C-alpha cells in the first residue's frame, strides 16, 4: 500500500497539468472541466500529503479546493 501511495504524486501531477491546459481554453465547457480536474488533483495531492506527512501541502490543497469551487461556480454561471 505504501508504494501505491508513494506513486500517487505522479497522477496528481498529471491531473494538475491537464487542468492547467484546459483552464487556458477559450471554450467555457473546457474551462468548466478544468475546475473539476483541479478538484481531483487537490484530492490526490492531499492524499499524498497525508501519507507523506506534508501538512502544509494539505492546507494548500484545502485552500485551492475552495478557490476551485469558486471558479467552478463562476464558470457554470457565466455564459
PDB file of N, CA and C in Angstrom:
ATOM      1  N   UNK A   1       0.828  -1.207   0.000  1.00  0.00           N
ATOM      2  CA  UNK A   1       0.000   0.000   0.000  1.00  0.00           C
ATOM      3  C   UNK A   1       0.864   1.259   0.000  1.00  0.00           C
ATOM      4  N   UNK A   2       1.980   1.234   0.717  1.00  0.00           N
ATOM      5  CA  UNK A   2       2.861   2.398   0.764  1.00  0.00           C
ATOM      6  C   UNK A   2       3.432   2.746  -0.601  1.00  0.00           C
ATOM      7  N   UNK A   3       3.780   1.731  -1.385  1.00  0.00           N
ATOM      8  CA  UNK A   3       4.313   2.004  -2.726  1.00  0.00           C
ATOM      9  C   UNK A   3       3.258   2.691  -3.596  1.00  0.00           C
ATOM     10  N   UNK A   4       2.007   2.251  -3.471  1.00  0.00           N
ATOM     11  CA  UNK A   4       0.926   2.861  -4.232  1.00  0.00           C
ATOM     12  C   UNK A   4       0.760   4.318  -3.818  1.00  0.00           C
ATOM     13  N   UNK A   5       0.792   4.586  -2.513  1.00  0.00           N
ATOM     14  CA  UNK A   5       0.652   5.960  -2.038  1.00  0.00           C
ATOM     15  C   UNK A   5       1.864   6.812  -2.414  1.00  0.00           C
ATOM     16  N   UNK A   6       3.058   6.211  -2.414  1.00  0.00           N
ATOM     17  CA  UNK A   6       4.245   6.947  -2.865  1.00  0.00           C
ATOM     18  C   UNK A   6       4.100   7.381  -4.316  1.00  0.00           C
ATOM     19  N   UNK A   7       3.517   6.510  -5.127  1.00  0.00           N
ATOM     20  CA  UNK A   7       3.370   6.793  -6.561  1.00  0.00           C
ATOM     21  C   UNK A   7       2.215   7.741  -6.861  1.00  0.00           C
ATOM     22  N   UNK A   8       1.394   8.055  -5.879  1.00  0.00           N
ATOM     23  CA  UNK A   8       0.222   8.904  -6.083  1.00  0.00           C
ATOM     24  C   UNK A   8       0.582  10.306  -6.565  1.00  0.00           C
ATOM     25  N   UNK A   9       1.801  10.734  -6.275  1.00  0.00           N
ATOM     26  CA  UNK A   9       2.205  12.070  -6.713  1.00  0.00           C
ATOM     27  C   UNK A   9       2.237  12.200  -8.238  1.00  0.00           C
ATOM     28  N   UNK A  10       2.457  11.100  -8.957  1.00  0.00           N
ATOM     29  CA  UNK A  10       2.532  11.171 -10.425  1.00  0.00           C
ATOM     30  C   UNK A  10       1.179  11.410 -11.068  1.00  0.00           C
ATOM     31  N   UNK A  11       0.124  10.668 -10.704  1.00  0.00           N
ATOM     32  CA  UNK A  11      -1.181  11.021 -11.270  1.00  0.00           C
ATOM     33  C   UNK A  11      -1.664  12.394 -10.777  1.00  0.00           C
ATOM     34  N   UNK A  12      -1.289  12.782  -9.571  1.00  0.00           N
ATOM     35  CA  UNK A  12      -1.645  14.119  -9.078  1.00  0.00           C
ATOM     36  C   UNK A  12      -1.003  15.188  -9.952  1.00  0.00           C
ATOM     37  N   UNK A  13       0.244  14.995 -10.294  1.00  0.00           N
ATOM     38  CA  UNK A  13       0.955  15.941 -11.156  1.00  0.00           C
ATOM     39  C   UNK A  13       0.331  15.977 -12.553  1.00  0.00           C
ATOM     40  N   UNK A  14       0.032  14.819 -13.116  1.00  0.00           N
ATOM     41  CA  UNK A  14      -0.560  14.761 -14.458  1.00  0.00           C
ATOM     42  C   UNK A  14      -1.947  15.414 -14.475  1.00  0.00           C
ATOM     43  N   UNK A  15      -2.720  15.198 -13.431  1.00  0.00           N
ATOM     44  CA  UNK A  15      -4.046  15.790 -13.330  1.00  0.00           C
ATOM     45  C   UNK A  15      -3.955  17.311 -13.246  1.00  0.00           C
ATOM     46  N   UNK A  16      -3.000  17.803 -12.487  1.00  0.00           N
ATOM     47  CA  UNK A  16      -2.797  19.249 -12.374  1.00  0.00           C
ATOM     48  C   UNK A  16      -2.404  19.849 -13.721  1.00  0.00           C
ATOM     49  N   UNK A  17      -1.528  19.174 -14.450  1.00  0.00           N
ATOM     50  CA  UNK A  17      -1.122  19.664 -15.769  1.00  0.00           C
ATOM     51  C   UNK A  17      -2.293  19.671 -16.753  1.00  0.00           C
ATOM     52  N   UNK A  18      -3.106  18.627 -16.722  1.00  0.00           N
ATOM     53  CA  UNK A  18      -4.276  18.574 -17.597  1.00  0.00           C
ATOM     54  C   UNK A  18      -5.219  19.727 -17.284  1.00  0.00           C
ATOM     55  N   UNK A  19      -5.484  19.954 -16.011  1.00  0.00           N
ATOM     56  CA  UNK A  19      -6.369  21.056 -15.611  1.00  0.00           C
ATOM     57  C   UNK A  19      -5.807  22.399 -16.055  1.00  0.00           C
ATOM     58  N   UNK A  20      -4.512  22.572 -15.927  1.00  0.00           N
ATOM     59  CA  UNK A  20      -3.881  23.824 -16.333  1.00  0.00           C
ATOM     60  C   UNK A  20      -3.996  24.027 -17.838  1.00  0.00           C
ATOM     61  N   UNK A  21      -3.862  22.959 -18.590  1.00  0.00           N
ATOM     62  CA  UNK A  21      -4.031  23.037 -20.050  1.00  0.00           C
ATOM     63  C   UNK A  21      -5.463  23.463 -20.395  1.00  0.00           C
ATOM     64  N   UNK A  22      -6.434  22.851 -19.730  1.00  0.00           N
ATOM     65  CA  UNK A  22      -7.837  23.138 -20.035  1.00  0.00           C
ATOM     66  C   UNK A  22      -8.265  24.535 -19.602  1.00  0.00           C
ATOM     67  N   UNK A  23      -7.721  25.040 -18.517  1.00  0.00           N
ATOM     68  CA  UNK A  23      -8.154  26.343 -17.987  1.00  0.00           C
ATOM     69  C   UNK A  23      -7.826  27.473 -18.958  1.00  0.00           C
ATOM     70  N   UNK A  24      -6.843  27.258 -19.814  1.00  0.00           N
ATOM     71  CA  UNK A  24      -6.457  28.314 -20.758  1.00  0.00           C
ATOM     72  C   UNK A  24      -7.267  28.279 -22.053  1.00  0.00           C
ATOM     73  N   UNK A  25      -8.239  27.385 -22.137  1.00  0.00           N
ATOM     74  CA  UNK A  25      -9.059  27.273 -23.333  1.00  0.00           C
ATOM     75  C   UNK A  25      -9.997  28.477 -23.461  1.00  0.00           C
ATOM     76  N   UNK A  26     -10.317  28.814 -24.689  1.00  0.00           N
ATOM     77  CA  UNK A  26     -11.297  29.880 -24.920  1.00  0.00           C
ATOM     78  C   UNK A  26     -12.722  29.339 -24.838  1.00  0.00           C
ATOM     79  N   UNK A  27     -12.873  28.035 -24.723  1.00  0.00           N
ATOM     80  CA  UNK A  27     -14.199  27.421 -24.645  1.00  0.00           C
ATOM     81  C   UNK A  27     -14.606  27.225 -23.190  1.00  0.00           C
ATOM     82  N   UNK A  28     -15.786  27.732 -22.875  1.00  0.00           N
ATOM     83  CA  UNK A  28     -16.258  27.710 -21.488  1.00  0.00           C
ATOM     84  C   UNK A  28     -16.368  26.292 -20.942  1.00  0.00           C
ATOM     85  N   UNK A  29     -16.863  25.327 -21.734  1.00  0.00           N
ATOM     86  CA  UNK A  29     -17.039  23.974 -21.222  1.00  0.00           C
ATOM     87  C   UNK A  29     -15.689  23.330 -20.868  1.00  0.00           C
ATOM     88  N   UNK A  30     -14.631  23.689 -21.591  1.00  0.00           N
ATOM     89  CA  UNK A  30     -13.305  23.165 -21.243  1.00  0.00           C
ATOM     90  C   UNK A  30     -12.795  23.794 -19.949  1.00  0.00           C
ATOM     91  N   UNK A  31     -13.038  25.088 -19.787  1.00  0.00           N
ATOM     92  CA  UNK A  31     -12.648  25.745 -18.536  1.00  0.00           C
ATOM     93  C   UNK A  31     -13.428  25.160 -17.359  1.00  0.00           C
ATOM     94  N   UNK A  32     -14.699  24.845 -17.586  1.00  0.00           N
ATOM     95  CA  UNK A  32     -15.503  24.211 -16.550  1.00  0.00           C
ATOM     96  C   UNK A  32     -14.903  22.861 -16.152  1.00  0.00           C
ATOM     97  N   UNK A  33     -14.542  22.059 -17.136  1.00  0.00           N
ATOM     98  CA  UNK A  33     -13.915  20.765 -16.854  1.00  0.00           C
ATOM     99  C   UNK A  33     -12.583  20.939 -16.129  1.00  0.00           C
ATOM    100  N   UNK A  34     -11.883  22.015 -16.439  1.00  0.00           N
ATOM    101  CA  UNK A  34     -10.590  22.253 -15.775  1.00  0.00           C
ATOM    102  C   UNK A  34     -10.761  22.326 -14.274  1.00  0.00           C
ATOM    103  N   UNK A  35     -11.812  22.990 -13.811  1.00  0.00           N
ATOM    104  CA  UNK A  35     -12.015  23.088 -12.361  1.00  0.00           C
ATOM    105  C   UNK A  35     -12.307  21.728 -11.741  1.00  0.00           C
ATOM    106  N   UNK A  36     -13.036  20.873 -12.450  1.00  0.00           N
ATOM    107  CA  UNK A  36     -13.261  19.511 -11.947  1.00  0.00           C
ATOM    108  C   UNK A  36     -11.944  18.747 -11.859  1.00  0.00           C
ATOM    109  N   UNK A  37     -11.082  18.919 -12.867  1.00  0.00           N
ATOM    110  CA  UNK A  37      -9.781  18.247 -12.830  1.00  0.00           C
ATOM    111  C   UNK A  37      -8.893  18.815 -11.723  1.00  0.00           C
ATOM    112  N   UNK A  38      -8.966  20.131 -11.512  1.00  0.00           N
ATOM    113  CA  UNK A  38      -8.228  20.729 -10.400  1.00  0.00           C
ATOM    114  C   UNK A  38      -8.699  20.162  -9.066  1.00  0.00           C
ATOM    115  N   UNK A  39     -10.003  20.009  -8.913  1.00  0.00           N
ATOM    116  CA  UNK A  39     -10.538  19.443  -7.670  1.00  0.00           C
ATOM    117  C   UNK A  39     -10.032  18.014  -7.480  1.00  0.00           C
ATOM    118  N   UNK A  40     -10.006  17.239  -8.556  1.00  0.00           N
ATOM    119  CA  UNK A  40      -9.450  15.875  -8.470  1.00  0.00           C
ATOM    120  C   UNK A  40      -7.979  15.921  -8.058  1.00  0.00           C
ATOM    121  N   UNK A  41      -7.236  16.867  -8.621  1.00  0.00           N
ATOM    122  CA  UNK A  41      -5.811  16.965  -8.247  1.00  0.00           C
ATOM    123  C   UNK A  41      -5.652  17.391  -6.797  1.00  0.00           C
ATOM    124  N   UNK A  42      -6.548  18.254  -6.293  1.00  0.00           N
ATOM    125  CA  UNK A  42      -6.495  18.643  -4.886  1.00  0.00           C
ATOM    126  C   UNK A  42      -6.648  17.424  -3.987  1.00  0.00           C
ATOM    127  N   UNK A  43      -7.582  16.551  -4.333  1.00  0.00           N
ATOM    128  CA  UNK A  43      -7.808  15.334  -3.546  1.00  0.00           C
ATOM    129  C   UNK A  43      -6.584  14.425  -3.605  1.00  0.00           C
ATOM    130  N   UNK A  44      -6.034  14.246  -4.806  1.00  0.00           N
ATOM    131  CA  UNK A  44      -4.850  13.389  -4.957  1.00  0.00           C
ATOM    132  C   UNK A  44      -3.656  13.945  -4.194  1.00  0.00           C
ATOM    133  N   UNK A  45      -3.408  15.251  -4.320  1.00  0.00           N
ATOM    134  CA  UNK A  45      -2.277  15.852  -3.606  1.00  0.00           C
ATOM    135  C   UNK A  45      -2.468  15.783  -2.103  1.00  0.00           C
ATOM    136  N   UNK A  46      -3.700  16.000  -1.630  1.00  0.00           N
ATOM    137  CA  UNK A  46      -3.957  15.928  -0.190  1.00  0.00           C
ATOM    138  C   UNK A  46      -3.731  14.507   0.325  1.00  0.00           C
ATOM    139  N   UNK A  47      -4.160  13.510  -0.435  1.00  0.00           N
ATOM    140  CA  UNK A  47      -3.940  12.113  -0.034  1.00  0.00           C
ATOM    141  C   UNK A  47      -2.452  11.803   0.024  1.00  0.00           C
ATOM    142  N   UNK A  48      -1.717  12.248  -0.972  1.00  0.00           N
ATOM    143  CA  UNK A  48      -0.273  12.022  -0.965  1.00  0.00           C
ATOM    144  C   UNK A  48       0.380  12.773   0.194  1.00  0.00           C
ATOM    145  N   UNK A  49      -0.066  14.011   0.432  1.00  0.00           N
ATOM    146  CA  UNK A  49       0.482  14.799   1.530  1.00  0.00           C
ATOM    147  C   UNK A  49       0.222  14.167   2.878  1.00  0.00           C
ATOM    148  N   UNK A  50      -0.968  13.585   3.052  1.00  0.00           N
ATOM    149  CA  UNK A  50      -1.285  12.906   4.310  1.00  0.00           C
ATOM    150  C   UNK A  50      -0.346  11.724   4.522  1.00  0.00           C
ATOM    151  N   UNK A  51      -0.170  10.952   3.476  1.00  0.00           N
ATOM    152  CA  UNK A  51       0.719   9.781   3.541  1.00  0.00           C
ATOM    153  C   UNK A  51       2.155  10.195   3.847  1.00  0.00           C
ATOM    154  N   UNK A  52       2.577  11.308   3.258  1.00  0.00           N
ATOM    155  CA  UNK A  52       3.968  11.738   3.399  1.00  0.00           C
ATOM    156  C   UNK A  52       4.187  12.671   4.592  1.00  0.00           C
ATOM    157  N   UNK A  53       3.117  13.019   5.289  1.00  0.00           N
ATOM    158  CA  UNK A  53       3.239  13.929   6.428  1.00  0.00           C
ATOM    159  C   UNK A  53       3.491  15.370   6.020  1.00  0.00           C
ATOM    160  N   UNK A  54       3.083  15.740   4.809  1.00  0.00           N
ATOM    161  CA  UNK A  54       3.289  17.092   4.291  1.00  0.00           C
ATOM    162  C   UNK A  54       2.030  17.920   4.587  1.00  0.00           C
ATOM    163  N   UNK A  55       1.926  18.365   5.828  1.00  0.00           N
ATOM    164  CA  UNK A  55       0.703  19.018   6.278  1.00  0.00           C
ATOM    165  C   UNK A  55       0.509  20.407   5.670  1.00  0.00           C
ATOM    166  N   UNK A  56       1.574  21.096   5.344  1.00  0.00           N
ATOM    167  CA  UNK A  56       1.436  22.384   4.658  1.00  0.00           C
ATOM    168  C   UNK A  56       0.850  22.169   3.258  1.00  0.00           C
ATOM    169  N   UNK A  57       1.228  21.090   2.607  1.00  0.00           N
ATOM    170  CA  UNK A  57       0.675  20.766   1.294  1.00  0.00           C
ATOM    171  C   UNK A  57      -0.821  20.477   1.405  1.00  0.00           C
ATOM    172  N   UNK A  58      -1.225  19.794   2.457  1.00  0.00           N
ATOM    173  CA  UNK A  58      -2.650  19.518   2.671  1.00  0.00           C
ATOM    174  C   UNK A  58      -3.406  20.826   2.870  1.00  0.00           C
ATOM    175  N   UNK A  59      -2.862  21.718   3.676  1.00  0.00           N
ATOM    176  CA  UNK A  59      -3.504  23.018   3.901  1.00  0.00           C
ATOM    177  C   UNK A  59      -3.609  23.795   2.594  1.00  0.00           C
ATOM    178  N   UNK A  60      -2.547  23.767   1.790  1.00  0.00           N
ATOM    179  CA  UNK A  60      -2.581  24.427   0.487  1.00  0.00           C
ATOM    180  C   UNK A  60      -3.678  23.842  -0.393  1.00  0.00           C
ATOM    181  N   UNK A  61      -3.782  22.530  -0.427  1.00  0.00           N
ATOM    182  CA  UNK A  61      -4.786  21.880  -1.269  1.00  0.00           C
ATOM    183  C   UNK A  61      -6.194  22.193  -0.800  1.00  0.00           C
ATOM    184  N   UNK A  62      -6.395  22.344   0.499  1.00  0.00           N
ATOM    185  CA  UNK A  62      -7.701  22.744   1.013  1.00  0.00           C
ATOM    186  C   UNK A  62      -8.058  24.151   0.523  1.00  0.00           C
ATOM    187  N   UNK A  63      -7.106  25.059   0.615  1.00  0.00           N
ATOM    188  CA  UNK A  63      -7.331  26.415   0.115  1.00  0.00           C
ATOM    189  C   UNK A  63      -7.590  26.443  -1.375  1.00  0.00           C
ATOM    190  N   UNK A  64      -6.807  25.689  -2.134  1.00  0.00           N
ATOM    191  CA  UNK A  64      -7.007  25.625  -3.586  1.00  0.00           C
ATOM    192  C   UNK A  64      -8.334  24.971  -3.939  1.00  0.00           C
ATOM    193  N   UNK A  65      -8.722  23.966  -3.159  1.00  0.00           N
ATOM    194  CA  UNK A  65     -10.018  23.315  -3.366  1.00  0.00           C
ATOM    195  C   UNK A  65     -11.147  24.334  -3.255  1.00  0.00           C
ATOM    196  N   UNK A  66     -11.102  25.167  -2.225  1.00  0.00           N
ATOM    197  CA  UNK A  66     -12.129  26.191  -2.043  1.00  0.00           C
ATOM    198  C   UNK A  66     -12.121  27.194  -3.201  1.00  0.00           C
ATOM    199  N   UNK A  67     -10.928  27.592  -3.646  1.00  0.00           N
ATOM    200  CA  UNK A  67     -10.839  28.506  -4.790  1.00  0.00           C
ATOM    201  C   UNK A  67     -11.350  27.846  -6.072  1.00  0.00           C
ATOM    202  N   UNK A  68     -11.090  26.560  -6.219  1.00  0.00           N
ATOM    203  CA  UNK A  68     -11.571  25.846  -7.399  1.00  0.00           C
ATOM    204  C   UNK A  68     -13.087  25.712  -7.382  1.00  0.00           C
ATOM    205  N   UNK A  69     -13.680  25.531  -6.204  1.00  0.00           N
ATOM    206  CA  UNK A  69     -15.142  25.526  -6.117  1.00  0.00           C
ATOM    207  C   UNK A  69     -15.700  26.875  -6.544  1.00  0.00           C
ATOM    208  N   UNK A  70     -15.046  27.944  -6.118  1.00  0.00           N
ATOM    209  CA  UNK A  70     -15.468  29.296  -6.519  1.00  0.00           C
ATOM    210  C   UNK A  70     -15.380  29.450  -8.038  1.00  0.00           C
ATOM    211  N   UNK A  71     -14.255  29.033  -8.613  1.00  0.00           N
ATOM    212  CA  UNK A  71     -14.081  29.115 -10.058  1.00  0.00           C
ATOM    213  C   UNK A  71     -15.104  28.284 -10.807  1.00  0.00           C
ATOM    214  N   UNK A  72     -15.414  27.120 -10.279  1.00  0.00           N
ATOM    215  CA  UNK A  72     -16.411  26.253 -10.901  1.00  0.00           C
ATOM    216  C   UNK A  72     -17.780  26.930 -10.904  1.00  0.00           C
ATOM    217  N   UNK A  73     -18.159  27.518  -9.792  1.00  0.00           N
ATOM    218  CA  UNK A  73     -19.443  28.223  -9.719  1.00  0.00           C
ATOM    219  C   UNK A  73     -19.489  29.388 -10.696  1.00  0.00           C
ATOM    220  N   UNK A  74     -18.397  30.149 -10.771  1.00  0.00           N
ATOM    221  CA  UNK A  74     -18.369  31.309 -11.672  1.00  0.00           C
ATOM    222  C   UNK A  74     -18.415  30.855 -13.138  1.00  0.00           C
ATOM    223  N   UNK A  75     -17.726  29.789 -13.460  1.00  0.00           N
ATOM    224  CA  UNK A  75     -17.704  29.305 -14.842  1.00  0.00           C
ATOM    225  C   UNK A  75     -19.066  28.738 -15.239  1.00  0.00           C
ATOM    226  N   UNK A  76     -19.710  28.006 -14.327  1.00  0.00           N
ATOM    227  CA  UNK A  76     -21.012  27.436 -14.644  1.00  0.00           C
ATOM    228  C   UNK A  76     -22.089  28.506 -14.755  1.00  0.00           C
ATOM    229  N   UNK A  77     -21.947  29.604 -14.018  1.00  0.00           N
ATOM    230  CA  UNK A  77     -22.992  30.639 -14.040  1.00  0.00           C
ATOM    231  C   UNK A  77     -22.792  31.654 -15.159  1.00  0.00           C
ATOM    232  N   UNK A  78     -21.599  31.690 -15.750  1.00  0.00           N
ATOM    233  CA  UNK A  78     -21.371  32.638 -16.856  1.00  0.00           C
ATOM    234  C   UNK A  78     -21.883  32.035 -18.157  1.00  0.00           C
ATOM    235  N   UNK A  79     -22.122  32.878 -19.087  1.00  0.00           N
ATOM    236  CA  UNK A  79     -22.419  32.291 -20.341  1.00  0.00           C
ATOM    237  C   UNK A  79     -23.506  32.787 -21.133  1.00  0.00           C
TER     238      UNK A  79
END
